[in-house]
């Protein structure tokens, strides 16, 4: 009888041993020996090539308007034959400054009480001709020889004063002569017209 019980105990022990052959879920060294990979491999990030924007066209440098007006202004040498003397004071003229970006003036006096004044105004965006076209000086228009190289030319006589406007690019050249008579004022303007034109058209 004891022999049979020993055999039975041995059999139960054997069954218990064979049932534990699988991996122990509490053993971290054996339970995850062969992990199963279920997720797909992550692709490498795609490199996006950004094309360079086309370079903006290079604009030519814009000349400074103040010095430009200075170079177009009549000098003492330009009016020397008129027998005038330089005096201080600003030349007003009939052209309103408006949106001008700068101006230069010069005034001379004849031996009598007559005055000669010259003013150069600089307008942005090459709008000088438009400024002259939209301006109306007092008096009656005067016909003077058309000057080459200018974009706009206008002249007026008002009493004993003659005013001439020449425009090119961004500059307006304005000459005003106040003499003892209207005829003398117009004649003086005609004499100085070529010098005005030469100084104006020499500027870019």
C-alpha atoms as a PDB file:
ATOM      1  CA  UNK A   1       0.000   0.000   0.000  1.00  0.00           C
ATOM      2  CA  UNK A   2       2.754   2.427   0.892  1.00  0.00           C
ATOM      3  CA  UNK A   3       4.472   1.521  -2.339  1.00  0.00           C
ATOM      4  CA  UNK A   4       1.414   2.546  -4.358  1.00  0.00           C
ATOM      5  CA  UNK A   5       1.125   5.897  -2.506  1.00  0.00           C
ATOM      6  CA  UNK A   6       4.777   6.624  -3.250  1.00  0.00           C
ATOM      7  CA  UNK A   7       4.205   5.933  -6.937  1.00  0.00           C
ATOM      8  CA  UNK A   8       1.168   8.249  -6.966  1.00  0.00           C
ATOM      9  CA  UNK A   9       3.058  11.059  -5.264  1.00  0.00           C
ATOM     10  CA  UNK A  10       5.890  10.666  -7.732  1.00  0.00           C
ATOM     11  CA  UNK A  11       3.444  10.813 -10.645  1.00  0.00           C
ATOM     12  CA  UNK A  12       1.823  13.999  -9.367  1.00  0.00           C
ATOM     13  CA  UNK A  13       5.215  15.583  -8.882  1.00  0.00           C
ATOM     14  CA  UNK A  14       6.191  14.643 -12.438  1.00  0.00           C
ATOM     15  CA  UNK A  15       3.033  16.156 -13.858  1.00  0.00           C
ATOM     16  CA  UNK A  16       3.674  19.334 -11.910  1.00  0.00           C
ATOM     17  CA  UNK A  17       7.169  19.604 -13.296  1.00  0.00           C
ATOM     18  CA  UNK A  18       6.102  19.096 -16.910  1.00  0.00           C
ATOM     19  CA  UNK A  19       3.373  21.748 -16.532  1.00  0.00           C
ATOM     20  CA  UNK A  20       5.918  24.413 -15.565  1.00  0.00           C
ATOM     21  CA  UNK A  21       8.165  23.994 -18.596  1.00  0.00           C
ATOM     22  CA  UNK A  22       6.712  27.187 -20.258  1.00  0.00           C
ATOM     23  CA  UNK A  23       8.015  30.699 -19.522  1.00  0.00           C
ATOM     24  CA  UNK A  24       7.346  32.142 -16.127  1.00  0.00           C
ATOM     25  CA  UNK A  25       5.295  35.348 -16.533  1.00  0.00           C
ATOM     26  CA  UNK A  26       6.934  36.773 -13.443  1.00  0.00           C
ATOM     27  CA  UNK A  27      10.492  36.093 -14.690  1.00  0.00           C
ATOM     28  CA  UNK A  28      11.640  39.291 -16.549  1.00  0.00           C
ATOM     29  CA  UNK A  29      14.752  37.506 -17.846  1.00  0.00           C
ATOM     30  CA  UNK A  30      12.870  34.761 -19.717  1.00  0.00           C
ATOM     31  CA  UNK A  31       9.379  36.158 -20.456  1.00  0.00           C
ATOM     32  CA  UNK A  32      10.620  38.871 -22.900  1.00  0.00           C
ATOM     33  CA  UNK A  33      13.454  36.916 -24.512  1.00  0.00           C
ATOM     34  CA  UNK A  34      11.817  36.998 -27.963  1.00  0.00           C
ATOM     35  CA  UNK A  35       9.654  40.169 -28.268  1.00  0.00           C
ATOM     36  CA  UNK A  36       7.309  40.330 -31.245  1.00  0.00           C
ATOM     37  CA  UNK A  37       7.597  43.494 -33.336  1.00  0.00           C
ATOM     38  CA  UNK A  38       4.248  44.615 -34.661  1.00  0.00           C
ATOM     39  CA  UNK A  39       4.858  48.291 -35.650  1.00  0.00           C
ATOM     40  CA  UNK A  40       6.143  49.189 -39.134  1.00  0.00           C
ATOM     41  CA  UNK A  41       9.571  50.843 -39.409  1.00  0.00           C
ATOM     42  CA  UNK A  42       9.445  54.661 -39.279  1.00  0.00           C
ATOM     43  CA  UNK A  43      10.651  56.154 -42.578  1.00  0.00           C
ATOM     44  CA  UNK A  44      13.400  58.721 -42.495  1.00  0.00           C
ATOM     45  CA  UNK A  45      12.158  62.324 -42.746  1.00  0.00           C
ATOM     46  CA  UNK A  46      11.964  63.572 -46.288  1.00  0.00           C
ATOM     47  CA  UNK A  47      14.185  66.521 -47.005  1.00  0.00           C
ATOM     48  CA  UNK A  48      12.293  69.353 -48.673  1.00  0.00           C
ATOM     49  CA  UNK A  49      14.404  71.492 -50.949  1.00  0.00           C
ATOM     50  CA  UNK A  50      13.383  75.144 -50.853  1.00  0.00           C
ATOM     51  CA  UNK A  51      14.149  76.956 -54.047  1.00  0.00           C
ATOM     52  CA  UNK A  52      15.728  80.370 -53.759  1.00  0.00           C
ATOM     53  CA  UNK A  53      13.494  83.284 -54.673  1.00  0.00           C
ATOM     54  CA  UNK A  54      14.587  85.157 -57.733  1.00  0.00           C
ATOM     55  CA  UNK A  55      16.699  88.133 -56.829  1.00  0.00           C
ATOM     56  CA  UNK A  56      14.930  91.475 -57.264  1.00  0.00           C
ATOM     57  CA  UNK A  57      16.294  93.601 -60.089  1.00  0.00           C
ATOM     58  CA  UNK A  58      18.891  96.065 -58.921  1.00  0.00           C
ATOM     59  CA  UNK A  59      17.666  99.623 -59.330  1.00  0.00           C
ATOM     60  CA  UNK A  60      20.133 102.335 -60.277  1.00  0.00           C
ATOM     61  CA  UNK A  61      20.981 104.636 -57.373  1.00  0.00           C
ATOM     62  CA  UNK A  62      18.763 107.689 -57.120  1.00  0.00           C
ATOM     63  CA  UNK A  63      20.789 110.917 -57.039  1.00  0.00           C
ATOM     64  CA  UNK A  64      20.296 113.202 -54.045  1.00  0.00           C
ATOM     65  CA  UNK A  65      17.923 115.934 -55.133  1.00  0.00           C
ATOM     66  CA  UNK A  66      19.420 118.777 -53.100  1.00  0.00           C
ATOM     67  CA  UNK A  67      22.895 118.647 -54.689  1.00  0.00           C
ATOM     68  CA  UNK A  68      21.235 118.031 -58.059  1.00  0.00           C
ATOM     69  CA  UNK A  69      19.315 121.295 -57.739  1.00  0.00           C
ATOM     70  CA  UNK A  70      22.502 123.058 -56.616  1.00  0.00           C
ATOM     71  CA  UNK A  71      24.330 122.044 -59.793  1.00  0.00           C
ATOM     72  CA  UNK A  72      21.492 123.364 -61.983  1.00  0.00           C
ATOM     73  CA  UNK A  73      21.473 126.770 -60.298  1.00  0.00           C
ATOM     74  CA  UNK A  74      22.884 129.755 -62.161  1.00  0.00           C
ATOM     75  CA  UNK A  75      26.146 131.111 -60.771  1.00  0.00           C
ATOM     76  CA  UNK A  76      27.666 134.587 -60.709  1.00  0.00           C
ATOM     77  CA  UNK A  77      29.693 133.666 -63.785  1.00  0.00           C
ATOM     78  CA  UNK A  78      26.538 132.658 -65.677  1.00  0.00           C
ATOM     79  CA  UNK A  79      24.933 136.095 -65.182  1.00  0.00           C
ATOM     80  CA  UNK A  80      28.091 138.239 -65.271  1.00  0.00           C
ATOM     81  CA  UNK A  81      27.197 139.831 -68.628  1.00  0.00           C
ATOM     82  CA  UNK A  82      23.992 141.212 -67.099  1.00  0.00           C
ATOM     83  CA  UNK A  83      26.068 143.525 -64.901  1.00  0.00           C
ATOM     84  CA  UNK A  84      24.282 142.369 -61.757  1.00  0.00           C
ATOM     85  CA  UNK A  85      25.464 142.012 -58.164  1.00  0.00           C
ATOM     86  CA  UNK A  86      24.650 139.087 -55.882  1.00  0.00           C
ATOM     87  CA  UNK A  87      22.341 139.978 -53.006  1.00  0.00           C
ATOM     88  CA  UNK A  88      20.941 138.000 -50.130  1.00  0.00           C
ATOM     89  CA  UNK A  89      17.332 136.896 -49.969  1.00  0.00           C
ATOM     90  CA  UNK A  90      15.144 134.065 -51.149  1.00  0.00           C
ATOM     91  CA  UNK A  91      13.622 134.013 -54.617  1.00  0.00           C
ATOM     92  CA  UNK A  92       9.918 133.279 -54.352  1.00  0.00           C
ATOM     93  CA  UNK A  93       8.817 132.923 -57.970  1.00  0.00           C
ATOM     94  CA  UNK A  94       5.357 131.830 -59.074  1.00  0.00           C
ATOM     95  CA  UNK A  95       5.798 128.059 -58.908  1.00  0.00           C
ATOM     96  CA  UNK A  96       4.542 126.681 -55.608  1.00  0.00           C
ATOM     97  CA  UNK A  97       6.963 124.387 -53.826  1.00  0.00           C
ATOM     98  CA  UNK A  98       4.244 121.724 -53.551  1.00  0.00           C
ATOM     99  CA  UNK A  99       5.753 118.272 -53.077  1.00  0.00           C
ATOM    100  CA  UNK A 100       9.260 119.388 -53.984  1.00  0.00           C
ATOM    101  CA  UNK A 101      12.018 117.546 -52.152  1.00  0.00           C
ATOM    102  CA  UNK A 102      14.398 120.475 -52.100  1.00  0.00           C
ATOM    103  CA  UNK A 103      15.271 123.780 -53.727  1.00  0.00           C
ATOM    104  CA  UNK A 104      18.145 126.179 -54.286  1.00  0.00           C
ATOM    105  CA  UNK A 105      17.869 129.933 -54.945  1.00  0.00           C
ATOM    106  CA  UNK A 106      20.029 132.866 -55.982  1.00  0.00           C
ATOM    107  CA  UNK A 107      19.203 136.570 -56.392  1.00  0.00           C
ATOM    108  CA  UNK A 108      21.023 139.430 -58.109  1.00  0.00           C
ATOM    109  CA  UNK A 109      20.363 143.160 -58.438  1.00  0.00           C
ATOM    110  CA  UNK A 110      20.835 145.292 -61.551  1.00  0.00           C
ATOM    111  CA  UNK A 111      22.477 148.755 -61.201  1.00  0.00           C
ATOM    112  CA  UNK A 112      18.975 150.201 -60.859  1.00  0.00           C
ATOM    113  CA  UNK A 113      16.182 148.667 -58.808  1.00  0.00           C
ATOM    114  CA  UNK A 114      15.622 145.710 -61.155  1.00  0.00           C
ATOM    115  CA  UNK A 115      16.011 142.181 -59.773  1.00  0.00           C
ATOM    116  CA  UNK A 116      17.046 138.887 -61.278  1.00  0.00           C
ATOM    117  CA  UNK A 117      16.281 135.681 -59.379  1.00  0.00           C
ATOM    118  CA  UNK A 118      16.767 132.033 -60.154  1.00  0.00           C
ATOM    119  CA  UNK A 119      15.338 129.068 -58.311  1.00  0.00           C
ATOM    120  CA  UNK A 120      15.707 125.331 -58.939  1.00  0.00           C
ATOM    121  CA  UNK A 121      13.221 122.941 -57.364  1.00  0.00           C
ATOM    122  CA  UNK A 122      13.632 119.166 -57.178  1.00  0.00           C
ATOM    123  CA  UNK A 123      10.570 116.943 -57.393  1.00  0.00           C
ATOM    124  CA  UNK A 124      10.504 113.210 -56.589  1.00  0.00           C
ATOM    125  CA  UNK A 125       9.626 110.540 -59.174  1.00  0.00           C
ATOM    126  CA  UNK A 126      10.627 112.755 -62.116  1.00  0.00           C
ATOM    127  CA  UNK A 127       7.398 114.747 -61.816  1.00  0.00           C
ATOM    128  CA  UNK A 128       8.902 118.144 -62.648  1.00  0.00           C
ATOM    129  CA  UNK A 129       7.207 118.467 -66.040  1.00  0.00           C
ATOM    130  CA  UNK A 130       3.858 117.643 -64.484  1.00  0.00           C
ATOM    131  CA  UNK A 131       4.392 120.309 -61.811  1.00  0.00           C
ATOM    132  CA  UNK A 132       5.003 122.921 -64.515  1.00  0.00           C
ATOM    133  CA  UNK A 133       2.036 121.755 -66.590  1.00  0.00           C
ATOM    134  CA  UNK A 134      -0.284 122.071 -63.599  1.00  0.00           C
ATOM    135  CA  UNK A 135       1.059 125.510 -62.621  1.00  0.00           C
ATOM    136  CA  UNK A 136      -0.404 128.776 -63.852  1.00  0.00           C
ATOM    137  CA  UNK A 137       1.574 131.918 -63.230  1.00  0.00           C
ATOM    138  CA  UNK A 138      -0.252 135.274 -63.263  1.00  0.00           C
ATOM    139  CA  UNK A 139      -0.173 137.386 -66.413  1.00  0.00           C
ATOM    140  CA  UNK A 140      -0.059 136.578 -70.107  1.00  0.00           C
ATOM    141  CA  UNK A 141       1.952 133.812 -71.754  1.00  0.00           C
ATOM    142  CA  UNK A 142       5.137 134.764 -73.543  1.00  0.00           C
ATOM    143  CA  UNK A 143       6.541 133.027 -76.600  1.00  0.00           C
ATOM    144  CA  UNK A 144      10.254 132.327 -76.151  1.00  0.00           C
ATOM    145  CA  UNK A 145      12.617 130.226 -78.300  1.00  0.00           C
ATOM    146  CA  UNK A 146      12.028 126.525 -77.618  1.00  0.00           C
ATOM    147  CA  UNK A 147      14.993 125.074 -75.752  1.00  0.00           C
ATOM    148  CA  UNK A 148      16.423 121.676 -76.731  1.00  0.00           C
ATOM    149  CA  UNK A 149      16.565 118.888 -74.143  1.00  0.00           C
ATOM    150  CA  UNK A 150      13.834 120.224 -71.844  1.00  0.00           C
ATOM    151  CA  UNK A 151      10.586 118.360 -71.246  1.00  0.00           C
ATOM    152  CA  UNK A 152       8.390 121.359 -70.521  1.00  0.00           C
ATOM    153  CA  UNK A 153       8.787 125.093 -71.144  1.00  0.00           C
ATOM    154  CA  UNK A 154       6.430 127.905 -70.157  1.00  0.00           C
ATOM    155  CA  UNK A 155       6.778 131.675 -69.748  1.00  0.00           C
ATOM    156  CA  UNK A 156       4.585 134.529 -68.538  1.00  0.00           C
ATOM    157  CA  UNK A 157       4.768 138.329 -68.325  1.00  0.00           C
ATOM    158  CA  UNK A 158       2.968 140.207 -65.606  1.00  0.00           C
ATOM    159  CA  UNK A 159       3.459 143.956 -65.576  1.00  0.00           C
ATOM    160  CA  UNK A 160       7.241 144.537 -65.467  1.00  0.00           C
ATOM    161  CA  UNK A 161       8.065 140.935 -64.488  1.00  0.00           C
ATOM    162  CA  UNK A 162       8.837 137.998 -66.754  1.00  0.00           C
ATOM    163  CA  UNK A 163       8.893 134.418 -65.440  1.00  0.00           C
ATOM    164  CA  UNK A 164      10.274 131.368 -67.253  1.00  0.00           C
ATOM    165  CA  UNK A 165       9.860 127.728 -66.202  1.00  0.00           C
ATOM    166  CA  UNK A 166      11.893 124.865 -67.655  1.00  0.00           C
ATOM    167  CA  UNK A 167      11.460 121.237 -66.572  1.00  0.00           C
ATOM    168  CA  UNK A 168      13.555 118.140 -67.070  1.00  0.00           C
ATOM    169  CA  UNK A 169      13.530 114.902 -65.096  1.00  0.00           C
ATOM    170  CA  UNK A 170      13.088 115.782 -61.445  1.00  0.00           C
ATOM    171  CA  UNK A 171      14.108 119.463 -61.751  1.00  0.00           C
ATOM    172  CA  UNK A 172      12.283 122.718 -62.473  1.00  0.00           C
ATOM    173  CA  UNK A 173      14.397 125.764 -63.310  1.00  0.00           C
ATOM    174  CA  UNK A 174      12.561 129.048 -62.671  1.00  0.00           C
ATOM    175  CA  UNK A 175      13.868 132.433 -63.751  1.00  0.00           C
ATOM    176  CA  UNK A 176      12.206 135.695 -62.719  1.00  0.00           C
ATOM    177  CA  UNK A 177      13.260 139.098 -64.014  1.00  0.00           C
ATOM    178  CA  UNK A 178      11.722 142.311 -62.679  1.00  0.00           C
ATOM    179  CA  UNK A 179      12.848 145.307 -64.755  1.00  0.00           C
ATOM    180  CA  UNK A 180      11.887 148.923 -65.343  1.00  0.00           C
ATOM    181  CA  UNK A 181       9.707 147.901 -68.282  1.00  0.00           C
ATOM    182  CA  UNK A 182       8.012 144.739 -69.446  1.00  0.00           C
ATOM    183  CA  UNK A 183      10.071 144.680 -72.646  1.00  0.00           C
ATOM    184  CA  UNK A 184      13.377 144.821 -70.738  1.00  0.00           C
ATOM    185  CA  UNK A 185      12.256 141.996 -68.459  1.00  0.00           C
ATOM    186  CA  UNK A 186      11.375 139.766 -71.425  1.00  0.00           C
ATOM    187  CA  UNK A 187      14.643 140.571 -73.233  1.00  0.00           C
ATOM    188  CA  UNK A 188      16.711 139.724 -70.148  1.00  0.00           C
ATOM    189  CA  UNK A 189      14.869 136.395 -69.832  1.00  0.00           C
ATOM    190  CA  UNK A 190      15.657 135.584 -73.465  1.00  0.00           C
ATOM    191  CA  UNK A 191      19.362 136.312 -72.926  1.00  0.00           C
ATOM    192  CA  UNK A 192      19.574 134.044 -69.866  1.00  0.00           C
ATOM    193  CA  UNK A 193      17.485 131.232 -71.331  1.00  0.00           C
ATOM    194  CA  UNK A 194      20.443 129.361 -72.961  1.00  0.00           C
ATOM    195  CA  UNK A 195      22.433 129.417 -69.703  1.00  0.00           C
ATOM    196  CA  UNK A 196      19.416 128.083 -67.799  1.00  0.00           C
ATOM    197  CA  UNK A 197      18.963 125.308 -70.321  1.00  0.00           C
ATOM    198  CA  UNK A 198      22.632 124.301 -70.315  1.00  0.00           C
ATOM    199  CA  UNK A 199      22.742 123.964 -66.509  1.00  0.00           C
ATOM    200  CA  UNK A 200      19.444 122.058 -66.409  1.00  0.00           C
ATOM    201  CA  UNK A 201      20.070 119.589 -69.221  1.00  0.00           C
ATOM    202  CA  UNK A 202      23.542 118.768 -67.876  1.00  0.00           C
ATOM    203  CA  UNK A 203      21.901 117.034 -64.885  1.00  0.00           C
ATOM    204  CA  UNK A 204      20.870 113.339 -65.052  1.00  0.00           C
END
